[in-house]
Amino acid sequence: MLYIDGLGKYYYCPLKRNRLVDDTACLEDYKRIELLYWGEEELKSGKTVKIKRFPGAKKVKLFRVTVSPDRTDFIAKNDLSQGSTNVVQKVCK
């Protein structure tokens, strides 16, 4: 992902449920994606997170996409200005 980011390109990348991220700007420890709290606004527009073992201040926008009643995908995107879960869901079909 960092290589693609360095080229100035955008990416959509699925992340596993057990991937460690931080959505509190270092106020709390890293936690598994599946344990994050998602407010109503964050479900619509995603949340900015830091992925563990990514360099320094590199952050991505994380989206929670419900594929079916028993399946939820977590998609990371490097374009922080993009803010619609519906767009991410259409791109990642």
N, C-alpha and C. Protein backbone atom coordinates (compact mmCIF):
# COMPACT_ATOMS: atom_id res chain seq x y z
N MET A 1 0.82 -1.19 0.00
CA MET A 1 0.00 0.00 0.00
C MET A 1 0.87 1.26 0.00
N LEU A 2 1.97 1.22 0.70
CA LEU A 2 2.83 2.40 0.76
C LEU A 2 3.46 2.70 -0.59
N TYR A 3 3.79 1.66 -1.35
CA TYR A 3 4.36 1.86 -2.68
C TYR A 3 3.37 2.58 -3.59
N ILE A 4 2.13 2.12 -3.58
CA ILE A 4 1.09 2.74 -4.40
C ILE A 4 0.85 4.17 -3.95
N ASP A 5 0.85 4.39 -2.66
CA ASP A 5 0.67 5.73 -2.12
C ASP A 5 1.80 6.65 -2.58
N GLY A 6 3.02 6.13 -2.61
CA GLY A 6 4.17 6.91 -3.06
C GLY A 6 4.09 7.30 -4.52
N LEU A 7 3.36 6.54 -5.32
CA LEU A 7 3.17 6.87 -6.73
C LEU A 7 2.09 7.93 -6.95
N GLY A 8 1.41 8.29 -5.89
CA GLY A 8 0.35 9.28 -6.00
C GLY A 8 -0.97 8.69 -6.48
N LYS A 9 -1.12 7.39 -6.38
CA LYS A 9 -2.34 6.72 -6.82
C LYS A 9 -3.25 6.46 -5.63
N TYR A 10 -4.53 6.25 -5.90
CA TYR A 10 -5.49 5.89 -4.86
C TYR A 10 -5.71 4.40 -4.85
N TYR A 11 -5.99 3.85 -3.68
CA TYR A 11 -6.26 2.42 -3.58
C TYR A 11 -7.40 2.17 -2.61
N TYR A 12 -8.07 1.05 -2.84
CA TYR A 12 -9.06 0.49 -1.92
C TYR A 12 -8.49 -0.86 -1.51
N CYS A 13 -8.29 -1.08 -0.24
CA CYS A 13 -7.65 -2.30 0.23
C CYS A 13 -8.46 -2.94 1.35
N PRO A 14 -8.89 -4.19 1.15
CA PRO A 14 -9.59 -4.86 2.25
C PRO A 14 -8.63 -5.20 3.37
N LEU A 15 -9.08 -5.05 4.61
CA LEU A 15 -8.27 -5.38 5.77
C LEU A 15 -8.96 -6.49 6.54
N LYS A 16 -8.15 -7.36 7.11
CA LYS A 16 -8.70 -8.44 7.92
C LYS A 16 -9.25 -7.88 9.23
N ARG A 17 -10.20 -8.60 9.79
CA ARG A 17 -10.89 -8.17 11.00
C ARG A 17 -9.96 -8.06 12.21
N ASN A 18 -8.86 -8.81 12.19
CA ASN A 18 -7.95 -8.80 13.34
C ASN A 18 -6.81 -7.79 13.18
N ARG A 19 -6.80 -7.01 12.12
CA ARG A 19 -5.75 -6.01 11.91
C ARG A 19 -5.84 -4.95 13.01
N LEU A 20 -4.69 -4.54 13.54
CA LEU A 20 -4.66 -3.57 14.63
C LEU A 20 -4.60 -2.15 14.09
N VAL A 21 -5.50 -1.31 14.60
CA VAL A 21 -5.57 0.09 14.17
C VAL A 21 -5.80 0.98 15.39
N ASP A 22 -5.58 2.27 15.19
CA ASP A 22 -5.82 3.26 16.25
C ASP A 22 -6.67 4.38 15.67
N ASP A 23 -7.82 4.62 16.26
CA ASP A 23 -8.70 5.70 15.81
C ASP A 23 -8.78 6.83 16.83
N THR A 24 -7.90 6.82 17.83
CA THR A 24 -7.96 7.81 18.91
C THR A 24 -6.77 8.77 18.92
N ALA A 25 -5.96 8.78 17.86
CA ALA A 25 -4.78 9.65 17.79
C ALA A 25 -3.83 9.38 18.95
N CYS A 26 -3.52 8.12 19.19
CA CYS A 26 -2.56 7.65 20.19
C CYS A 26 -3.01 7.84 21.64
N LEU A 27 -4.29 8.07 21.86
CA LEU A 27 -4.79 8.19 23.23
C LEU A 27 -5.03 6.82 23.85
N GLU A 28 -5.26 5.82 23.03
CA GLU A 28 -5.47 4.45 23.50
C GLU A 28 -4.55 3.52 22.71
N ASP A 29 -4.47 2.27 23.16
CA ASP A 29 -3.68 1.27 22.44
C ASP A 29 -4.36 0.89 21.14
N TYR A 30 -3.57 0.26 20.26
CA TYR A 30 -4.14 -0.29 19.03
C TYR A 30 -5.16 -1.36 19.38
N LYS A 31 -6.21 -1.47 18.58
CA LYS A 31 -7.20 -2.52 18.80
C LYS A 31 -7.63 -3.10 17.47
N ARG A 32 -8.21 -4.29 17.54
CA ARG A 32 -8.65 -4.98 16.34
C ARG A 32 -9.77 -4.19 15.67
N ILE A 33 -9.77 -4.21 14.34
CA ILE A 33 -10.78 -3.48 13.58
C ILE A 33 -12.19 -3.86 14.01
N GLU A 34 -12.41 -5.14 14.23
CA GLU A 34 -13.76 -5.60 14.57
C GLU A 34 -14.24 -5.09 15.93
N LEU A 35 -13.34 -4.57 16.76
CA LEU A 35 -13.71 -4.06 18.08
C LEU A 35 -13.91 -2.54 18.12
N LEU A 36 -13.72 -1.86 16.99
CA LEU A 36 -13.89 -0.42 16.95
C LEU A 36 -15.35 -0.03 17.14
N TYR A 37 -15.58 1.12 17.76
CA TYR A 37 -16.92 1.66 17.87
C TYR A 37 -17.22 2.48 16.62
N TRP A 38 -18.38 2.24 16.03
CA TRP A 38 -18.79 2.96 14.83
C TRP A 38 -20.06 3.74 15.12
N GLY A 39 -19.97 5.06 15.14
CA GLY A 39 -21.14 5.92 15.30
C GLY A 39 -21.91 5.99 13.98
N GLU A 40 -23.07 6.58 14.03
CA GLU A 40 -23.92 6.67 12.84
C GLU A 40 -23.23 7.43 11.70
N GLU A 41 -22.58 8.54 12.04
CA GLU A 41 -21.88 9.34 11.02
C GLU A 41 -20.68 8.58 10.45
N GLU A 42 -19.97 7.85 11.29
CA GLU A 42 -18.80 7.09 10.83
C GLU A 42 -19.20 5.94 9.92
N LEU A 43 -20.37 5.37 10.15
CA LEU A 43 -20.85 4.31 9.25
C LEU A 43 -21.12 4.85 7.86
N LYS A 44 -21.53 6.12 7.77
CA LYS A 44 -21.83 6.73 6.48
C LYS A 44 -20.58 7.25 5.78
N SER A 45 -19.65 7.82 6.55
CA SER A 45 -18.52 8.50 5.92
C SER A 45 -17.15 7.94 6.27
N GLY A 46 -17.08 6.84 7.01
CA GLY A 46 -15.80 6.24 7.35
C GLY A 46 -15.12 6.95 8.51
N LYS A 47 -13.98 6.39 8.93
CA LYS A 47 -13.22 7.00 10.01
C LYS A 47 -11.74 6.95 9.66
N THR A 48 -11.01 7.93 10.13
CA THR A 48 -9.57 8.02 9.89
C THR A 48 -8.85 7.22 10.96
N VAL A 49 -7.97 6.32 10.52
CA VAL A 49 -7.25 5.45 11.45
C VAL A 49 -5.77 5.37 11.08
N LYS A 50 -4.99 4.97 12.05
CA LYS A 50 -3.57 4.66 11.85
C LYS A 50 -3.43 3.16 11.97
N ILE A 51 -2.83 2.53 10.97
CA ILE A 51 -2.63 1.09 10.97
C ILE A 51 -1.30 0.78 11.65
N LYS A 52 -1.32 -0.19 12.55
CA LYS A 52 -0.10 -0.57 13.26
C LYS A 52 0.97 -1.01 12.26
N ARG A 53 2.20 -0.60 12.51
CA ARG A 53 3.38 -0.89 11.71
C ARG A 53 3.42 -0.13 10.39
N PHE A 54 2.57 0.88 10.23
CA PHE A 54 2.70 1.80 9.10
C PHE A 54 3.59 2.92 9.57
N PRO A 55 4.37 3.52 8.68
CA PRO A 55 5.30 4.56 9.09
C PRO A 55 4.61 5.80 9.67
N GLY A 56 5.26 6.37 10.65
CA GLY A 56 4.92 7.65 11.25
C GLY A 56 3.47 8.07 11.26
N ALA A 57 3.19 9.15 10.54
CA ALA A 57 1.87 9.76 10.59
C ALA A 57 0.96 9.32 9.45
N LYS A 58 1.28 8.23 8.78
CA LYS A 58 0.46 7.77 7.65
C LYS A 58 -0.89 7.26 8.15
N LYS A 59 -1.95 7.90 7.70
CA LYS A 59 -3.31 7.51 8.08
C LYS A 59 -4.11 7.16 6.84
N VAL A 60 -5.11 6.34 7.05
CA VAL A 60 -6.01 5.95 5.96
C VAL A 60 -7.45 6.14 6.42
N LYS A 61 -8.36 6.17 5.48
CA LYS A 61 -9.79 6.24 5.79
C LYS A 61 -10.31 4.81 5.78
N LEU A 62 -10.96 4.40 6.85
CA LEU A 62 -11.47 3.05 7.00
C LEU A 62 -12.99 3.06 6.88
N PHE A 63 -13.51 2.14 6.07
CA PHE A 63 -14.95 2.03 5.86
C PHE A 63 -15.42 0.66 6.29
N ARG A 64 -16.59 0.62 6.87
CA ARG A 64 -17.23 -0.64 7.25
C ARG A 64 -18.37 -0.88 6.26
N VAL A 65 -18.22 -1.92 5.46
CA VAL A 65 -19.18 -2.21 4.40
C VAL A 65 -19.90 -3.51 4.72
N THR A 66 -21.21 -3.44 4.87
CA THR A 66 -22.00 -4.63 5.13
C THR A 66 -22.35 -5.29 3.81
N VAL A 67 -21.81 -6.48 3.59
CA VAL A 67 -22.01 -7.22 2.35
C VAL A 67 -23.29 -8.05 2.42
N SER A 68 -23.51 -8.68 3.54
CA SER A 68 -24.71 -9.48 3.78
C SER A 68 -24.96 -9.47 5.29
N PRO A 69 -26.10 -10.01 5.73
CA PRO A 69 -26.37 -9.99 7.18
C PRO A 69 -25.31 -10.67 8.04
N ASP A 70 -24.58 -11.60 7.47
CA ASP A 70 -23.56 -12.30 8.26
C ASP A 70 -22.13 -12.00 7.82
N ARG A 71 -21.94 -10.94 7.01
CA ARG A 71 -20.59 -10.61 6.53
C ARG A 71 -20.40 -9.10 6.45
N THR A 72 -19.33 -8.63 7.08
CA THR A 72 -18.95 -7.23 7.05
C THR A 72 -17.50 -7.13 6.60
N ASP A 73 -17.23 -6.28 5.62
CA ASP A 73 -15.86 -6.06 5.14
C ASP A 73 -15.38 -4.71 5.65
N PHE A 74 -14.06 -4.63 5.86
CA PHE A 74 -13.42 -3.38 6.26
C PHE A 74 -12.46 -2.99 5.14
N ILE A 75 -12.67 -1.81 4.57
CA ILE A 75 -11.92 -1.34 3.41
C ILE A 75 -11.16 -0.08 3.79
N ALA A 76 -9.85 -0.07 3.50
CA ALA A 76 -9.02 1.11 3.74
C ALA A 76 -8.78 1.83 2.42
N LYS A 77 -8.78 3.15 2.47
CA LYS A 77 -8.53 3.97 1.29
C LYS A 77 -7.59 5.09 1.68
N ASN A 78 -6.63 5.39 0.82
CA ASN A 78 -5.64 6.40 1.16
C ASN A 78 -6.11 7.83 0.87
N ASP A 79 -7.24 8.01 0.21
CA ASP A 79 -7.78 9.33 -0.07
C ASP A 79 -8.66 9.75 1.11
N LEU A 80 -8.12 10.59 1.98
CA LEU A 80 -8.85 10.97 3.19
C LEU A 80 -10.03 11.89 2.91
N SER A 81 -10.06 12.52 1.73
CA SER A 81 -11.16 13.42 1.42
C SER A 81 -12.40 12.66 0.97
N GLN A 82 -12.25 11.43 0.54
CA GLN A 82 -13.39 10.62 0.09
C GLN A 82 -14.17 10.20 1.31
N GLY A 83 -15.49 10.45 1.32
CA GLY A 83 -16.22 10.18 2.53
C GLY A 83 -17.59 9.56 2.35
N SER A 84 -17.70 8.53 1.54
CA SER A 84 -19.00 7.89 1.37
C SER A 84 -18.84 6.37 1.33
N THR A 85 -19.48 5.71 2.27
CA THR A 85 -19.44 4.25 2.30
C THR A 85 -20.12 3.67 1.07
N ASN A 86 -21.15 4.34 0.57
CA ASN A 86 -21.85 3.86 -0.63
C ASN A 86 -20.92 3.81 -1.84
N VAL A 87 -20.08 4.81 -2.01
CA VAL A 87 -19.12 4.84 -3.13
C VAL A 87 -18.13 3.69 -2.98
N VAL A 88 -17.62 3.50 -1.78
CA VAL A 88 -16.66 2.40 -1.53
C VAL A 88 -17.31 1.05 -1.83
N GLN A 89 -18.57 0.90 -1.44
CA GLN A 89 -19.27 -0.36 -1.67
C GLN A 89 -19.44 -0.63 -3.17
N LYS A 90 -19.71 0.41 -3.95
CA LYS A 90 -19.87 0.25 -5.40
C LYS A 90 -18.54 -0.10 -6.06
N VAL A 91 -17.47 0.56 -5.64
CA VAL A 91 -16.15 0.31 -6.22
C VAL A 91 -15.65 -1.09 -5.91
N CYS A 92 -15.94 -1.58 -4.72
CA CYS A 92 -15.39 -2.86 -4.26
C CYS A 92 -16.29 -4.07 -4.55
N LYS A 93 -17.35 -3.90 -5.32
CA LYS A 93 -18.24 -5.04 -5.60
C LYS A 93 -17.52 -6.15 -6.29
